[in-house]
Protein backbone atom coordinates (compact mmCIF):
# COMPACT_ATOMS: atom_id res chain seq x y z
CA UNK A 1 -47.36 -59.37 7.56
CA UNK A 2 -46.30 -56.67 10.25
CA UNK A 3 -48.10 -54.43 8.57
CA UNK A 4 -51.91 -54.77 6.83
CA UNK A 5 -54.05 -52.06 5.32
CA UNK A 6 -57.02 -53.43 3.99
CA UNK A 7 -59.58 -50.85 1.88
CA UNK A 8 -58.63 -48.04 4.14
CA UNK A 9 -60.44 -44.51 3.47
CA UNK A 10 -60.17 -41.41 5.25
CA UNK A 11 -62.66 -38.40 4.45
CA UNK A 12 -61.87 -34.66 5.40
CA UNK A 13 -65.22 -33.49 5.51
CA UNK A 14 -65.72 -33.58 1.71
CA UNK A 15 -62.39 -33.83 1.32
CA UNK A 16 -61.20 -37.73 0.29
CA UNK A 17 -57.87 -38.10 1.86
CA UNK A 18 -57.56 -41.97 1.03
CA UNK A 19 -59.51 -44.17 -1.07
CA UNK A 20 -59.86 -47.67 -0.27
CA UNK A 21 -56.66 -47.91 0.13
CA UNK A 22 -54.89 -52.06 0.64
CA UNK A 23 -51.07 -52.94 0.79
CA UNK A 24 -49.18 -55.49 3.11
CA UNK A 25 -46.00 -54.89 4.14
CA UNK A 26 -43.98 -58.73 5.82
CA UNK A 27 -41.03 -58.37 8.08
CA UNK A 28 -37.74 -57.06 7.38
CA UNK A 29 -39.07 -55.47 4.26
CA UNK A 30 -37.67 -51.70 3.97
CA UNK A 31 -40.49 -49.95 2.01
CA UNK A 32 -40.64 -46.46 0.70
CA UNK A 33 -44.07 -44.80 0.60
CA UNK A 34 -43.52 -42.29 -1.79
CA UNK A 35 -46.32 -39.62 -3.25
CA UNK A 36 -46.42 -35.85 -3.90
CA UNK A 37 -47.71 -33.37 -1.37
CA UNK A 38 -51.27 -33.88 -0.66
CA UNK A 39 -51.71 -37.48 -1.62
CA UNK A 40 -52.35 -38.91 1.41
CA UNK A 41 -48.82 -40.14 2.36
CA UNK A 42 -48.75 -38.93 6.04
CA UNK A 43 -52.58 -39.30 6.62
CA UNK A 44 -51.62 -43.10 5.75
CA UNK A 45 -48.71 -43.30 8.59
CA UNK A 46 -50.89 -41.55 11.33
CA UNK A 47 -53.32 -44.07 10.83
CA UNK A 48 -50.95 -46.74 11.31
CA UNK A 49 -49.56 -45.46 14.06
CA UNK A 50 -53.37 -44.70 15.98
CA UNK A 51 -53.18 -41.23 15.95
CA UNK A 52 -56.04 -40.95 13.26
CA UNK A 53 -59.42 -43.27 12.82
CA UNK A 54 -59.79 -44.93 9.65
CA UNK A 55 -63.39 -43.38 7.97
CA UNK A 56 -63.72 -47.14 6.56
CA UNK A 57 -61.40 -50.29 6.37
CA UNK A 58 -58.87 -51.56 8.73
CA UNK A 59 -55.17 -51.59 9.37
CA UNK A 60 -53.32 -53.96 11.49
CA UNK A 61 -49.69 -53.76 12.68
CA UNK A 62 -48.41 -57.06 14.21
CA UNK A 63 -51.54 -58.25 13.75
CA UNK A 64 -53.17 -56.04 16.48
CA UNK A 65 -56.25 -53.39 15.05
CA UNK A 66 -54.76 -50.13 14.80
CA UNK A 67 -58.47 -48.78 15.94
CA UNK A 68 -59.36 -51.77 18.55
CA UNK A 69 -55.83 -52.54 19.79
CA UNK A 70 -53.90 -49.10 19.95
CA UNK A 71 -52.54 -49.51 22.82
CA UNK A 72 -50.67 -52.98 21.30
CA UNK A 73 -49.84 -51.28 18.06
CA UNK A 74 -48.18 -48.20 19.90
CA UNK A 75 -45.61 -50.83 22.16
CA UNK A 76 -45.06 -52.32 18.34
CA UNK A 77 -44.35 -48.97 16.46
CA UNK A 78 -41.66 -46.70 16.77
CA UNK A 79 -42.86 -43.07 14.59
CA UNK A 80 -40.92 -40.26 13.46
CA UNK A 81 -43.52 -37.77 12.02
CA UNK A 82 -42.16 -34.87 9.59
CA UNK A 83 -41.78 -32.40 11.96
CA UNK A 84 -40.37 -34.00 15.17
CA UNK A 85 -41.98 -32.70 18.34
CA UNK A 86 -39.52 -32.46 20.87
CA UNK A 87 -38.66 -30.70 24.35
CA UNK A 88 -36.62 -27.89 23.52
CA UNK A 89 -35.51 -26.97 26.49
CA UNK A 90 -34.52 -30.69 27.47
CA UNK A 91 -30.97 -31.97 27.36
CA UNK A 92 -30.30 -35.02 24.74
CA UNK A 93 -29.63 -37.68 27.12
CA UNK A 94 -32.59 -36.27 29.53
CA UNK A 95 -34.76 -36.51 27.14
CA UNK A 96 -34.45 -39.72 25.71
CA UNK A 97 -34.36 -41.24 29.33
CA UNK A 98 -37.64 -39.53 29.39
CA UNK A 99 -38.71 -41.20 26.62
CA UNK A 100 -37.27 -44.49 27.75
CA UNK A 101 -38.81 -44.00 31.22
CA UNK A 102 -42.44 -43.84 29.37
CA UNK A 103 -42.24 -46.93 27.41
CA UNK A 104 -40.97 -48.76 30.77
CA UNK A 105 -38.23 -49.76 29.86
CA UNK A 106 -35.75 -50.98 32.39
CA UNK A 107 -31.55 -50.46 32.42
CA UNK A 108 -32.91 -46.92 30.64
CA UNK A 109 -29.70 -45.39 31.20
CA UNK A 110 -27.81 -48.18 28.85
CA UNK A 111 -30.18 -48.24 26.20
CA UNK A 112 -29.88 -44.09 26.08
CA UNK A 113 -26.26 -44.53 25.71
CA UNK A 114 -26.92 -47.42 23.10
CA UNK A 115 -29.11 -45.10 20.79
CA UNK A 116 -26.73 -42.38 21.06
CA UNK A 117 -24.60 -44.62 19.79
CA UNK A 118 -26.08 -45.72 16.87
CA UNK A 119 -27.79 -42.52 15.79
CA UNK A 120 -24.18 -40.55 16.25
CA UNK A 121 -25.47 -37.93 18.72
CA UNK A 122 -22.05 -38.78 20.72
CA UNK A 123 -20.63 -35.27 20.53
CA UNK A 124 -24.24 -33.58 21.38
CA UNK A 125 -25.35 -35.37 24.08
CA UNK A 126 -24.30 -33.15 26.51
CA UNK A 127 -26.54 -30.04 24.83
CA UNK A 128 -30.10 -28.79 24.79
CA UNK A 129 -32.12 -30.12 21.84
CA UNK A 130 -32.78 -26.41 21.40
CA UNK A 131 -29.38 -25.64 20.56
CA UNK A 132 -29.20 -28.54 18.02
CA UNK A 133 -29.12 -28.16 14.53
CA UNK A 134 -31.73 -29.05 12.01
CA UNK A 135 -29.88 -32.46 11.29
CA UNK A 136 -29.18 -33.53 15.02
CA UNK A 137 -32.57 -33.11 16.06
CA UNK A 138 -33.35 -35.50 13.59
CA UNK A 139 -31.29 -37.61 14.87
CA UNK A 140 -32.33 -37.42 18.24
CA UNK A 141 -36.27 -37.83 16.69
CA UNK A 142 -34.47 -40.98 15.34
CA UNK A 143 -33.44 -42.46 18.57
CA UNK A 144 -36.50 -41.37 20.31
CA UNK A 145 -38.41 -43.82 17.56
CA UNK A 146 -36.23 -46.60 18.38
CA UNK A 147 -34.99 -46.56 21.65
CA UNK A 148 -38.28 -49.43 23.04
CA UNK A 149 -37.00 -51.54 20.14
CA UNK A 150 -40.31 -52.07 18.24
CA UNK A 151 -40.54 -54.26 15.52
CA UNK A 152 -41.96 -51.59 12.99
CA UNK A 153 -40.42 -48.53 12.21
CA UNK A 154 -42.74 -45.47 10.52
CA UNK A 155 -40.55 -42.95 9.20
CA UNK A 156 -41.52 -39.74 7.87
CA UNK A 157 -39.00 -37.56 5.84
CA UNK A 158 -36.64 -39.54 8.33
CA UNK A 159 -33.22 -37.84 6.86
CA UNK A 160 -34.59 -33.87 6.10
CA UNK A 161 -32.21 -31.31 6.95
CA UNK A 162 -29.62 -33.91 7.27
CA UNK A 163 -26.02 -32.86 5.28
CA UNK A 164 -24.11 -35.53 2.76
CA UNK A 165 -22.24 -37.00 5.59
CA UNK A 166 -25.54 -37.80 7.96
CA UNK A 167 -27.39 -38.64 5.16
CA UNK A 168 -25.21 -41.68 4.05
CA UNK A 169 -24.82 -42.43 8.32
CA UNK A 170 -28.61 -42.57 8.51
CA UNK A 171 -29.35 -44.35 5.26
CA UNK A 172 -26.64 -47.04 6.47
CA UNK A 173 -28.36 -46.68 9.67
CA UNK A 174 -32.07 -47.64 8.40
CA UNK A 175 -31.00 -50.48 5.91
CA UNK A 176 -29.52 -51.82 9.03
CA UNK A 177 -32.43 -51.79 11.09
CA UNK A 178 -34.41 -53.33 7.58
CA UNK A 179 -32.92 -56.14 8.58
CA UNK A 180 -34.64 -57.19 11.79
CA UNK A 181 -37.20 -54.80 11.53
CA UNK A 182 -40.03 -53.59 9.21
CA UNK A 183 -39.55 -50.14 7.88
CA UNK A 184 -42.28 -47.68 6.24
CA UNK A 185 -40.70 -44.72 5.05
CA UNK A 186 -42.14 -41.53 3.39
CA UNK A 187 -39.62 -39.27 1.52
CA UNK A 188 -39.21 -36.84 -1.41
CA UNK A 189 -35.66 -38.06 -2.47
CA UNK A 190 -35.26 -40.73 -5.01
CA UNK A 191 -32.01 -41.56 -4.75
CA UNK A 192 -32.57 -42.48 -0.80
CA UNK A 193 -35.38 -45.11 -1.91
CA UNK A 194 -33.07 -46.49 -4.52
CA UNK A 195 -30.29 -46.81 -1.85
CA UNK A 196 -32.39 -48.11 0.74
CA UNK A 197 -35.67 -49.35 -0.20
CA UNK A 198 -36.65 -53.21 -1.19
CA UNK A 199 -39.88 -51.69 -2.44
CA UNK A 200 -41.71 -49.18 -3.60
CA UNK A 201 -45.35 -47.91 -2.82
CA UNK A 202 -46.35 -45.14 -5.24
CA UNK A 203 -49.85 -42.66 -3.68
CA UNK A 204 -51.51 -40.30 -5.99
CA UNK A 205 -54.64 -38.45 -5.07
CA UNK A 206 -55.19 -41.32 -2.09
CA UNK A 207 -55.09 -44.38 -4.51
CA UNK A 208 -51.90 -46.82 -4.75
CA UNK A 209 -51.05 -46.37 -8.32
CA UNK A 210 -47.90 -48.70 -7.83
CA UNK A 211 -46.35 -51.43 -5.75
CA UNK A 212 -43.38 -53.23 -6.70
CA UNK A 213 -39.32 -53.63 -6.47
CA UNK A 214 -37.93 -50.14 -7.72
CA UNK A 215 -36.10 -52.10 -10.25
CA UNK A 216 -39.16 -53.40 -11.85
CA UNK A 217 -40.63 -50.13 -11.91
CA UNK A 218 -37.68 -48.44 -14.12
CA UNK A 219 -38.02 -51.10 -16.24
CA UNK A 220 -41.66 -51.50 -16.17
CA UNK A 221 -43.57 -52.19 -19.62
CA UNK A 222 -41.17 -49.39 -21.88
CA UNK A 223 -42.06 -49.41 -25.37
CA UNK A 224 -39.46 -46.54 -26.02
CA UNK A 225 -35.94 -46.42 -24.32
CA UNK A 226 -33.63 -44.05 -25.32
CA UNK A 227 -29.59 -44.31 -26.57
CA UNK A 228 -27.29 -41.33 -25.39
CA UNK A 229 -24.85 -40.76 -28.55
CA UNK A 230 -21.81 -37.54 -28.70
CA UNK A 231 -20.12 -37.38 -32.20
CA UNK A 232 -17.45 -35.11 -32.54
CA UNK A 233 -19.07 -32.66 -35.21
CA UNK A 234 -22.32 -30.71 -35.88
CA UNK A 235 -24.92 -33.42 -36.98
CA UNK A 236 -28.68 -31.99 -37.54
CA UNK A 237 -31.79 -33.77 -35.94
CA UNK A 238 -33.92 -34.20 -39.30
CA UNK A 239 -30.50 -36.61 -40.56
CA UNK A 240 -30.42 -38.37 -37.15
CA UNK A 241 -34.18 -39.25 -37.52
CA UNK A 242 -34.04 -40.99 -41.15
CA UNK A 243 -31.79 -43.48 -38.76
CA UNK A 244 -33.98 -46.53 -38.96
CA UNK A 245 -35.56 -47.26 -35.34
CA UNK A 246 -35.10 -43.74 -33.96
CA UNK A 247 -38.44 -42.24 -33.02
CA UNK A 248 -37.20 -39.01 -31.20
CA UNK A 249 -33.94 -36.79 -31.44
CA UNK A 250 -33.42 -34.82 -28.73
CA UNK A 251 -30.04 -32.27 -28.40
CA UNK A 252 -28.25 -32.36 -24.55
CA UNK A 253 -25.39 -30.19 -25.24
CA UNK A 254 -22.88 -29.81 -28.25
CA UNK A 255 -23.17 -32.31 -30.22
CA UNK A 256 -24.56 -35.54 -27.63
CA UNK A 257 -27.95 -36.15 -28.51
CA UNK A 258 -30.77 -38.45 -26.61
CA UNK A 259 -32.16 -41.26 -29.15
CA UNK A 260 -35.42 -42.52 -28.50
CA UNK A 261 -36.28 -45.78 -30.06
CA UNK A 262 -38.46 -48.65 -30.07
CA UNK A 263 -37.38 -51.07 -26.79
CA UNK A 264 -37.40 -54.12 -29.55
CA UNK A 265 -34.48 -52.89 -31.78
CA UNK A 266 -30.79 -52.29 -31.04
CA UNK A 267 -30.33 -48.79 -33.13
CA UNK A 268 -26.64 -48.88 -32.46
CA UNK A 269 -24.83 -50.47 -35.59
CA UNK A 270 -26.85 -48.06 -37.49
CA UNK A 271 -25.97 -45.55 -35.87
CA UNK A 272 -22.37 -46.24 -36.32
CA UNK A 273 -23.10 -46.72 -39.75
CA UNK A 274 -24.70 -43.30 -40.01
CA UNK A 275 -21.45 -41.65 -38.88
CA UNK A 276 -19.47 -43.36 -41.11
CA UNK A 277 -21.75 -42.25 -44.08
CA UNK A 278 -21.71 -39.07 -43.02
CA UNK A 279 -18.19 -38.42 -42.22
CA UNK A 280 -18.53 -38.35 -38.51
CA UNK A 281 -17.27 -40.07 -35.37
CA UNK A 282 -18.99 -41.40 -32.50
CA UNK A 283 -17.23 -40.41 -29.09
CA UNK A 284 -19.28 -41.93 -26.61
CA UNK A 285 -22.53 -44.28 -26.55
CA UNK A 286 -24.48 -45.60 -23.99
CA UNK A 287 -28.05 -46.90 -23.20
CA UNK A 288 -30.21 -44.01 -20.85
CA UNK A 289 -31.77 -46.43 -17.72
CA UNK A 290 -35.13 -44.60 -16.99
CA UNK A 291 -34.90 -43.45 -13.68
CA UNK A 292 -37.51 -44.34 -10.75
CA UNK A 293 -38.20 -40.07 -10.39
CA UNK A 294 -38.99 -40.32 -14.51
CA UNK A 295 -41.50 -43.41 -13.48
CA UNK A 296 -42.40 -41.41 -9.94
CA UNK A 297 -43.47 -38.04 -12.95
CA UNK A 298 -45.25 -40.51 -14.94
CA UNK A 299 -47.68 -41.80 -12.68
CA UNK A 300 -48.41 -39.03 -10.60
CA UNK A 301 -48.17 -36.08 -13.06
CA UNK A 302 -52.04 -36.22 -13.44
CA UNK A 303 -51.89 -34.40 -9.93
CA UNK A 304 -48.55 -31.79 -10.79
């Protein structure tokens, strides 16, 4: 396992930021680490990158303990914090060369060139970092996190500030990196998690409340599912509730309705019969799949 966290607790005075957190991340996994603000995500990442010691429990990265072998951990980890600390007066190439030197890399110029190409900094490489847009500064942060070719990448909001085109590029880059490296990333963008993560860990109030594949979490143990239906004419909610199996009828817009029903029952034949009996036509019908965002809200609602 690339990352092993065992019963980690972190207290800030009387406040408990992490409460007996345990999880493992294997080599080559891309894992989304999700949670509402203040849930403990950044604290966990700072412990894994040796910026903070835990109050109790242990954590290891690439078989090195984050407390007793912190230098070895740092050699194997690339870290992009949420607010990327950069030297704004340095030029992009100058800054990356400095970081490569701090890591003791050989062929620094070649490695800097490779990272500039990999994260798409080519057009901006001769500028001062302070003159870059937020999106390009984020790319500089990604480059510094990866320049020493670490086995584990820990990324806190890696796509913050990127425009839609940059988002696509960086997501593809993280996906490629995940084929050979372990990636643990925090984000508030659920579509991002579904697009690039093999697995999702959700933390709330310092505790793990879910740890599984995104597709499994979306399915969950639902007893209710929803069917979206559009009729050609006005339909009353009380009539829809008379359809066998319908538990809840909620209007979306116009003559579009969302019908909640028991997951074990297929209500589509009954809906068609209802339409015929009431001289209506069904213009459209499809199952409404539960999104990861819905799962996130359900699991962390108490903290909102």
